[in-house]
């Protein structure tokens, strides 16, 4: 007999990463996406992506799709009744009923959150900016840190929708990690302006505080889709620089180049490729931190007992998980 998960309020009883084939579900999820399809007989069906703080699951409504689609919108909390099945080796929900949830819900059940303390991360980041010696750059950070609205958003925004640091507090975590990398390698190569590199490491993604909306799910905002976080970030930096008398023109230009070029190539979204040593280095540091975080998150979502992960479609590979080395006693 299928196991049934019942609930009487908007509080979640079971998370996506706990669901197993054969279970019946009556629970609340975020309706992340929905798309209408057509069966061979011409009737409609509904493809869904449901989410909570532990991940996403595909779902399908075969019957009365038009009715269910009409009463829900992507981003809604929805109460789902249905069963867990498997399709092509992947779990999915076959949904019998879906309705907008009218009960009170705990939003923290539905958005993934950094495992680190945002206040401690922010204090550590501020401490790094206090090591900057260039006067105009210290003044630039003073402008940002005095902006309470910016600081609040910077401490809560995600760094991405899916690939890396895709959780509340992810932007701060990524910015701090990139800045710590910059601090470690800045003195390794001749010709690197440590203060400028540190500035780029901390500010390169600040436009993401407006690129995403994250009330019930992480999704692109209208501003993010229409303008992009790089352009948004440039505007934010220009606004702060305008408040600092006699800010050096070339320094402002070099900061903006760091932001514009940090994705490395036009193919990956940078209007210009890196054209200074600092910009080249920032591009690679950003790439290191985002890739390692994304891969670690992917590995952690896989079977902990398996030596190999499933196939990572974007990176086009499986990842091997070697067992930790053990130190043998010298007496053996």
Protein backbone atom coordinates (compact mmCIF):
# COMPACT_ATOMS: atom_id res chain seq x y z
CA UNK A 1 0.00 0.00 0.00
CA UNK A 2 1.30 3.48 -0.85
CA UNK A 3 2.40 5.60 2.05
CA UNK A 4 0.28 8.75 2.45
CA UNK A 5 1.61 12.00 3.86
CA UNK A 6 -1.23 14.05 5.33
CA UNK A 7 -1.28 17.58 6.63
CA UNK A 8 -3.86 19.97 8.04
CA UNK A 9 -2.03 23.30 7.74
CA UNK A 10 0.33 25.06 5.42
CA UNK A 11 3.29 23.58 7.29
CA UNK A 12 5.38 21.13 5.29
CA UNK A 13 5.62 17.57 6.53
CA UNK A 14 7.97 16.12 3.92
CA UNK A 15 10.62 17.64 1.70
CA UNK A 16 11.45 16.83 -1.90
CA UNK A 17 14.74 15.12 -1.06
CA UNK A 18 12.82 12.70 1.18
CA UNK A 19 10.24 11.55 -1.37
CA UNK A 20 10.35 7.97 -2.61
CA UNK A 21 8.67 6.04 -5.41
CA UNK A 22 5.26 4.68 -4.48
CA UNK A 23 4.38 7.29 -1.87
CA UNK A 24 1.19 9.32 -1.95
CA UNK A 25 1.63 13.00 -1.19
CA UNK A 26 -0.59 15.71 0.24
CA UNK A 27 1.78 18.61 0.84
CA UNK A 28 2.69 22.22 0.01
CA UNK A 29 5.28 23.20 -2.58
CA UNK A 30 6.23 26.27 -4.58
CA UNK A 31 4.93 26.13 -8.13
CA UNK A 32 8.23 27.00 -9.76
CA UNK A 33 7.20 26.62 -13.40
CA UNK A 34 4.25 25.37 -15.42
CA UNK A 35 3.86 24.71 -19.13
CA UNK A 36 0.91 23.36 -21.07
CA UNK A 37 1.27 20.45 -23.48
CA UNK A 38 -0.99 18.52 -25.84
CA UNK A 39 -1.74 14.81 -25.78
CA UNK A 40 -2.13 12.86 -28.99
CA UNK A 41 -5.90 13.14 -28.73
CA UNK A 42 -5.65 16.94 -28.63
CA UNK A 43 -6.49 17.36 -24.94
CA UNK A 44 -4.20 19.33 -22.63
CA UNK A 45 -1.82 18.22 -19.92
CA UNK A 46 0.29 20.32 -17.56
CA UNK A 47 4.02 19.99 -16.91
CA UNK A 48 5.11 21.42 -13.56
CA UNK A 49 8.29 22.04 -11.66
CA UNK A 50 7.72 22.08 -7.90
CA UNK A 51 10.28 23.22 -5.36
CA UNK A 52 11.13 23.58 -1.71
CA UNK A 53 14.35 24.37 0.14
CA UNK A 54 15.81 20.93 -0.65
CA UNK A 55 15.41 21.06 -4.42
CA UNK A 56 13.00 20.61 -7.30
CA UNK A 57 10.90 17.82 -8.71
CA UNK A 58 9.10 17.48 -12.03
CA UNK A 59 5.37 16.85 -11.95
CA UNK A 60 2.57 16.27 -14.44
CA UNK A 61 -1.21 16.75 -14.41
CA UNK A 62 -2.87 14.55 -17.02
CA UNK A 63 -6.52 15.44 -16.39
CA UNK A 64 -8.36 18.77 -16.12
CA UNK A 65 -5.14 20.61 -16.90
CA UNK A 66 -6.92 23.77 -18.09
CA UNK A 67 -8.83 24.10 -14.82
CA UNK A 68 -5.75 23.69 -12.63
CA UNK A 69 -3.69 26.04 -14.79
CA UNK A 70 -6.31 28.77 -14.54
CA UNK A 71 -6.25 28.99 -10.73
CA UNK A 72 -2.48 28.98 -10.15
CA UNK A 73 0.47 31.15 -11.13
CA UNK A 74 4.19 30.39 -11.12
CA UNK A 75 5.54 31.48 -7.76
CA UNK A 76 2.43 30.45 -5.81
CA UNK A 77 2.48 28.19 -2.79
CA UNK A 78 0.35 25.25 -3.92
CA UNK A 79 -1.13 22.24 -2.16
CA UNK A 80 -0.47 19.14 -4.19
CA UNK A 81 -2.20 15.77 -3.95
CA UNK A 82 -0.79 12.93 -5.98
CA UNK A 83 1.71 10.11 -6.09
CA UNK A 84 5.46 9.71 -6.56
CA UNK A 85 6.50 7.69 -9.58
CA UNK A 86 9.63 7.29 -11.66
CA UNK A 87 10.08 8.38 -15.27
CA UNK A 88 13.29 7.58 -17.14
CA UNK A 89 15.07 7.00 -13.87
CA UNK A 90 14.00 10.31 -12.32
CA UNK A 91 11.36 10.84 -9.65
CA UNK A 92 8.25 12.76 -10.65
CA UNK A 93 4.88 13.54 -9.12
CA UNK A 94 1.70 12.52 -10.91
CA UNK A 95 -0.68 15.18 -9.62
CA UNK A 96 -4.39 14.59 -9.08
CA UNK A 97 -5.18 17.94 -7.46
CA UNK A 98 -3.47 21.32 -7.23
CA UNK A 99 -4.75 24.48 -5.52
CA UNK A 100 -3.25 27.74 -4.36
CA UNK A 101 -2.42 27.34 -0.68
CA UNK A 102 -4.54 29.56 1.57
CA UNK A 103 -2.96 28.42 4.85
CA UNK A 104 -0.09 30.27 6.49
CA UNK A 105 3.27 28.85 5.41
CA UNK A 106 6.81 29.14 6.72
CA UNK A 107 8.78 30.65 3.84
CA UNK A 108 12.00 29.16 5.22
CA UNK A 109 10.68 25.71 4.21
CA UNK A 110 10.75 26.69 0.55
CA UNK A 111 13.92 28.68 -0.09
CA UNK A 112 17.39 27.16 0.37
CA UNK A 113 19.59 29.19 2.71
CA UNK A 114 23.35 29.45 3.21
CA UNK A 115 24.72 27.23 5.96
CA UNK A 116 26.92 30.09 7.13
CA UNK A 117 26.10 33.05 9.37
CA UNK A 118 25.40 36.09 7.14
CA UNK A 119 26.31 38.59 9.85
CA UNK A 120 29.69 36.95 10.48
CA UNK A 121 30.38 36.71 6.74
CA UNK A 122 29.56 40.38 6.29
CA UNK A 123 31.82 41.44 9.16
CA UNK A 124 34.65 39.41 7.67
CA UNK A 125 34.07 41.05 4.29
CA UNK A 126 34.08 44.52 5.85
CA UNK A 127 37.34 43.67 7.60
CA UNK A 128 38.88 42.83 4.23
CA UNK A 129 37.86 46.24 2.84
CA UNK A 130 39.58 47.88 5.81
CA UNK A 131 42.89 46.47 4.53
CA UNK A 132 42.51 48.50 1.33
CA UNK A 133 44.96 51.40 1.32
CA UNK A 134 43.77 53.34 -1.74
CA UNK A 135 41.83 56.30 -0.35
CA UNK A 136 39.19 56.58 -3.09
CA UNK A 137 38.41 52.86 -2.88
CA UNK A 138 38.01 53.05 0.90
CA UNK A 139 35.57 55.92 0.36
CA UNK A 140 33.69 53.86 -2.24
CA UNK A 141 33.16 51.00 0.20
CA UNK A 142 32.16 53.47 2.91
CA UNK A 143 29.36 54.60 0.59
CA UNK A 144 28.13 51.04 0.08
CA UNK A 145 28.36 50.01 3.75
CA UNK A 146 26.47 53.14 4.85
CA UNK A 147 23.56 52.18 2.56
CA UNK A 148 21.36 50.06 4.84
CA UNK A 149 19.09 48.95 2.00
CA UNK A 150 22.05 47.76 -0.05
CA UNK A 151 23.61 45.91 2.89
CA UNK A 152 20.34 44.13 3.75
CA UNK A 153 19.90 42.99 0.14
CA UNK A 154 23.58 42.06 -0.24
CA UNK A 155 23.33 39.79 2.82
CA UNK A 156 20.22 37.95 1.59
CA UNK A 157 20.36 37.76 -2.23
CA UNK A 158 21.26 34.52 -4.04
CA UNK A 159 24.19 34.50 -6.46
CA UNK A 160 22.40 32.48 -9.14
CA UNK A 161 19.17 30.76 -10.05
CA UNK A 162 20.67 27.28 -10.33
CA UNK A 163 24.38 26.85 -11.04
CA UNK A 164 26.22 28.12 -7.95
CA UNK A 165 25.42 29.69 -4.58
CA UNK A 166 21.74 29.43 -5.57
CA UNK A 167 20.36 30.10 -2.12
CA UNK A 168 19.57 32.95 0.25
CA UNK A 169 22.87 34.49 1.35
CA UNK A 170 24.64 32.99 -1.65
CA UNK A 171 25.74 36.33 -3.09
CA UNK A 172 27.49 37.35 0.13
CA UNK A 173 29.06 33.90 0.49
CA UNK A 174 30.37 33.99 -3.10
CA UNK A 175 31.63 37.58 -2.83
CA UNK A 176 33.49 36.82 0.40
CA UNK A 177 35.00 33.63 -1.00
CA UNK A 178 36.16 35.39 -4.17
CA UNK A 179 37.65 38.23 -2.11
CA UNK A 180 39.54 35.75 0.10
CA UNK A 181 40.95 34.10 -3.03
CA UNK A 182 41.98 37.52 -4.35
CA UNK A 183 43.68 38.33 -1.06
CA UNK A 184 45.71 35.11 -1.26
CA UNK A 185 46.91 35.41 -4.85
CA UNK A 186 47.26 39.18 -5.33
CA UNK A 187 50.89 39.21 -4.17
CA UNK A 188 51.84 36.10 -6.12
CA UNK A 189 52.03 37.85 -9.49
CA UNK A 190 53.88 41.05 -10.33
CA UNK A 191 51.78 43.87 -11.76
CA UNK A 192 48.58 43.15 -9.81
CA UNK A 193 46.85 46.05 -8.06
CA UNK A 194 45.66 44.28 -4.90
CA UNK A 195 43.27 47.06 -3.85
CA UNK A 196 41.64 47.21 -7.27
CA UNK A 197 41.41 43.41 -7.52
CA UNK A 198 39.84 43.24 -4.05
CA UNK A 199 37.30 45.89 -5.06
CA UNK A 200 36.33 43.92 -8.15
CA UNK A 201 36.10 40.66 -6.20
CA UNK A 202 33.64 42.17 -3.72
CA UNK A 203 31.57 44.24 -6.13
CA UNK A 204 31.57 42.16 -9.33
CA UNK A 205 28.11 40.64 -8.74
CA UNK A 206 26.32 43.35 -6.74
CA UNK A 207 23.77 43.80 -9.53
CA UNK A 208 22.33 40.44 -8.50
CA UNK A 209 20.53 42.07 -5.58
CA UNK A 210 18.15 43.37 -8.27
CA UNK A 211 18.58 40.66 -10.91
CA UNK A 212 16.67 38.09 -8.84
CA UNK A 213 13.44 37.98 -6.90
CA UNK A 214 13.35 35.45 -4.11
CA UNK A 215 10.13 35.67 -2.13
CA UNK A 216 8.95 32.10 -2.77
CA UNK A 217 11.48 30.89 -5.37
CA UNK A 218 14.68 32.13 -6.97
CA UNK A 219 13.71 33.61 -10.31
CA UNK A 220 14.86 36.44 -12.54
CA UNK A 221 13.18 39.78 -11.94
CA UNK A 222 11.93 41.88 -14.83
CA UNK A 223 14.94 44.15 -14.34
CA UNK A 224 17.25 41.15 -14.35
CA UNK A 225 15.82 39.76 -17.57
CA UNK A 226 15.77 43.12 -19.36
CA UNK A 227 19.07 44.59 -18.21
CA UNK A 228 21.36 41.92 -16.60
CA UNK A 229 23.31 42.10 -13.34
CA UNK A 230 26.47 43.44 -15.01
CA UNK A 231 24.70 46.54 -16.31
CA UNK A 232 22.77 46.94 -13.04
CA UNK A 233 26.03 46.70 -11.08
CA UNK A 234 27.73 49.35 -13.22
CA UNK A 235 24.85 51.72 -12.52
CA UNK A 236 25.10 51.10 -8.78
CA UNK A 237 28.84 51.78 -8.78
CA UNK A 238 28.46 54.93 -10.86
CA UNK A 239 25.83 56.22 -8.42
CA UNK A 240 28.17 55.73 -5.44
CA UNK A 241 31.17 57.21 -7.24
CA UNK A 242 29.13 60.32 -8.08
CA UNK A 243 28.90 61.01 -4.34
CA UNK A 244 32.70 61.05 -3.89
CA UNK A 245 34.35 64.36 -4.87
CA UNK A 246 37.28 64.10 -7.30
CA UNK A 247 37.10 60.33 -7.67
CA UNK A 248 39.92 59.46 -10.15
CA UNK A 249 38.54 58.96 -13.65
CA UNK A 250 40.90 56.12 -14.56
CA UNK A 251 40.21 54.25 -11.32
CA UNK A 252 36.48 54.46 -11.98
CA UNK A 253 37.07 53.16 -15.51
CA UNK A 254 39.17 50.23 -14.28
CA UNK A 255 36.58 49.25 -11.66
CA UNK A 256 33.85 49.27 -14.28
CA UNK A 257 36.02 47.18 -16.61
CA UNK A 258 36.43 44.58 -13.85
CA UNK A 259 32.65 44.33 -13.55
CA UNK A 260 32.00 44.28 -17.28
CA UNK A 261 34.62 41.63 -18.06
CA UNK A 262 34.35 39.22 -15.12
CA UNK A 263 32.47 36.57 -17.14
CA UNK A 264 35.49 36.34 -19.42
CA UNK A 265 33.97 36.31 -22.90
CA UNK A 266 31.04 37.76 -24.80
CA UNK A 267 29.75 34.20 -25.18
CA UNK A 268 29.30 34.01 -21.40
CA UNK A 269 27.76 37.45 -21.01
CA UNK A 270 30.63 39.92 -20.71
CA UNK A 271 30.31 42.92 -23.03
CA UNK A 272 34.12 42.99 -23.20
CA UNK A 273 36.75 40.34 -22.39
CA UNK A 274 39.31 41.08 -19.64
CA UNK A 275 41.92 43.56 -20.87
CA UNK A 276 43.99 44.15 -17.72
CA UNK A 277 45.91 41.70 -15.53
CA UNK A 278 43.53 42.43 -12.66
CA UNK A 279 40.51 41.68 -14.85
CA UNK A 280 42.00 38.42 -16.15
CA UNK A 281 42.72 37.28 -12.61
CA UNK A 282 39.26 38.24 -11.35
CA UNK A 283 37.64 36.26 -14.17
CA UNK A 284 39.49 33.11 -13.16
CA UNK A 285 38.92 33.59 -9.42
CA UNK A 286 35.19 34.04 -10.03
CA UNK A 287 35.21 30.94 -12.22
CA UNK A 288 37.04 28.88 -9.58
CA UNK A 289 34.69 29.80 -6.77
CA UNK A 290 31.47 29.41 -8.76
CA UNK A 291 32.50 26.09 -10.32
CA UNK A 292 33.72 24.51 -7.07
CA UNK A 293 30.57 25.57 -5.21
CA UNK A 294 28.31 24.34 -8.00
CA UNK A 295 30.04 20.97 -8.22
CA UNK A 296 30.06 20.51 -4.44
CA UNK A 297 26.33 21.28 -4.28
CA UNK A 298 25.72 18.78 -7.08
CA UNK A 299 27.76 16.07 -5.35
CA UNK A 300 25.95 16.66 -2.07
CA UNK A 301 22.60 16.09 -3.82
CA UNK A 302 23.66 12.63 -5.04
CA UNK A 303 23.59 9.20 -3.45
CA UNK A 304 26.11 9.44 -0.59
CA UNK A 305 27.02 5.75 -0.91
CA UNK A 306 27.78 5.79 -4.64
CA UNK A 307 31.33 6.23 -5.94
CA UNK A 308 30.13 8.22 -8.94
CA UNK A 309 27.51 10.94 -9.23
CA UNK A 310 24.82 11.00 -11.85
CA UNK A 311 25.48 12.85 -15.10
CA UNK A 312 25.86 16.62 -14.80
CA UNK A 313 24.22 17.87 -17.97
CA UNK A 314 25.69 21.38 -18.03
CA UNK A 315 29.24 20.24 -17.27
CA UNK A 316 28.78 17.08 -19.39
CA UNK A 317 30.40 14.60 -17.01
CA UNK A 318 30.00 12.35 -14.00
CA UNK A 319 32.05 13.14 -10.89
CA UNK A 320 34.06 10.56 -8.96
CA UNK A 321 33.88 10.67 -5.16
CA UNK A 322 37.07 9.09 -3.82
CA UNK A 323 37.03 7.80 -0.28
CA UNK A 324 39.03 9.90 2.22
CA UNK A 325 42.60 8.74 2.73
CA UNK A 326 43.23 7.00 6.02
CA UNK A 327 46.55 7.26 7.82
CA UNK A 328 47.96 3.89 8.75
CA UNK A 329 49.73 3.40 12.04
CA UNK A 330 53.54 3.04 11.79
CA UNK A 331 53.23 -0.14 13.87
CA UNK A 332 51.18 -1.93 11.19
